[in-house]
Protein backbone atom coordinates (compact mmCIF):
# COMPACT_ATOMS: atom_id res chain seq x y z
CA MET A 1 142.08 171.16 66.82
CA SER A 2 145.53 171.38 68.40
CA SER A 3 148.04 173.96 67.25
CA SER A 4 150.42 171.07 66.11
CA CYS A 5 148.07 170.48 63.11
CA TRP A 6 149.10 173.79 61.71
CA THR A 7 152.90 173.36 62.05
CA ASN A 8 153.09 171.89 58.49
CA PHE A 9 150.57 174.31 57.01
CA GLU A 10 151.91 176.42 54.09
CA PRO A 11 149.77 178.89 52.18
CA GLU A 12 149.13 177.81 48.66
CA LEU A 13 151.32 179.47 46.07
CA HIS A 14 149.39 181.24 43.45
CA ILE A 15 150.93 181.45 39.98
CA THR A 16 149.89 183.75 37.07
CA ALA A 17 151.56 184.34 33.78
CA SER A 18 151.94 187.11 31.32
CA SER A 19 150.65 186.82 27.74
CA ARG A 20 154.41 186.92 26.67
CA PHE A 21 155.18 183.91 28.95
CA LEU A 22 152.17 181.97 27.68
CA ARG A 23 152.98 182.62 23.95
CA LYS A 24 156.49 181.44 24.50
CA ALA A 25 155.43 178.33 26.44
CA ARG A 26 152.94 177.30 23.81
CA LYS A 27 155.67 177.39 21.17
CA LEU A 28 157.91 174.93 23.04
CA LYS A 29 158.42 171.58 21.37
CA GLU A 30 159.09 168.30 23.16
CA PRO A 31 161.07 167.54 25.34
CA GLN A 32 161.22 171.13 26.54
CA ALA A 33 157.42 171.45 26.87
CA SER A 34 157.44 168.46 29.32
CA MET A 35 160.36 169.87 31.12
CA LEU A 36 158.65 173.16 31.58
CA ARG A 37 155.54 171.40 32.97
CA ALA A 38 157.62 169.45 35.41
CA ALA A 39 159.59 172.53 36.47
CA LEU A 40 156.30 174.51 37.08
CA ARG A 41 154.92 171.72 39.23
CA ARG A 42 158.12 171.66 41.27
CA PHE A 43 158.16 175.46 41.59
CA ALA A 44 154.43 175.40 42.82
CA ALA A 45 155.39 172.86 45.45
CA ASP A 46 158.60 174.56 46.57
CA PRO A 47 159.99 177.68 44.91
CA GLY A 48 163.21 177.24 46.62
CA ASP A 49 163.83 173.60 45.35
CA PRO A 50 167.46 173.37 44.66
CA LEU A 51 166.93 171.66 41.37
CA LEU A 52 165.38 174.84 40.01
CA ARG A 53 168.33 176.97 40.92
CA THR A 54 166.01 179.86 41.86
CA GLN A 55 167.89 183.12 42.23
CA LYS A 56 167.20 186.80 42.88
CA LEU A 57 168.48 188.88 40.07
CA LYS A 58 170.53 192.10 40.37
CA GLY A 59 171.14 195.40 38.54
CA GLU A 60 168.37 196.57 36.24
CA LEU A 61 166.39 193.26 36.95
CA ASP A 62 166.50 193.48 40.74
CA ALA A 63 162.74 193.39 41.01
CA TYR A 64 162.81 189.96 39.37
CA TRP A 65 163.70 186.31 40.12
CA ALA A 66 164.53 183.45 37.81
CA PHE A 67 164.59 179.68 37.90
CA SER A 68 165.94 177.08 35.51
CA VAL A 69 163.95 174.59 33.49
CA GLU A 70 167.00 173.06 31.88
CA ASP A 71 170.57 174.31 31.03
CA ASP A 72 169.51 177.21 28.73
CA LEU A 73 165.81 177.60 29.41
CA ARG A 74 164.83 179.94 32.31
CA VAL A 75 161.67 181.44 33.66
CA LEU A 76 161.74 185.12 34.67
CA PHE A 77 159.23 186.04 37.43
CA ARG A 78 158.41 188.49 40.13
CA TRP A 79 156.67 188.16 43.40
CA ASN A 80 153.41 190.05 43.98
CA GLY A 81 152.85 189.15 47.71
CA ASP A 82 152.19 185.48 47.80
CA GLU A 83 151.67 185.27 44.03
CA ALA A 84 154.39 184.43 41.60
CA PHE A 85 153.88 186.34 38.29
CA LEU A 86 155.71 184.64 35.37
CA VAL A 87 156.95 187.31 33.13
CA ASN A 88 159.18 185.67 30.47
CA LEU A 89 160.57 182.37 29.21
CA GLY A 90 163.58 181.75 27.07
CA SER A 91 167.38 181.21 26.96
CA HIS A 92 169.74 183.16 29.23
CA ASP A 93 170.28 185.78 26.47
CA GLN A 94 166.53 186.07 25.71
CA VAL A 95 165.44 186.44 29.27
CA TYR A 96 168.12 188.68 30.72
């Protein structure tokens, strides 16, 4: 196998979620529930997708990152090596 076969290889992103995140996700009503599923698929494919507006947080939350599902629904997560650990889900005021 030539080395060029590996040029497009990207390790698979592993995603796990806290019980807090899962509880909040299960409570979402449509259309937010569908929007969350779509955002999670997009995140799994490319965490840096511009539509997600993924950002590193600062201050007390500097160990965390966040991405947007919609205008006021955000996912708070942290990186554990190659794994994204979803910590919280909610509005700007609830998450930050």
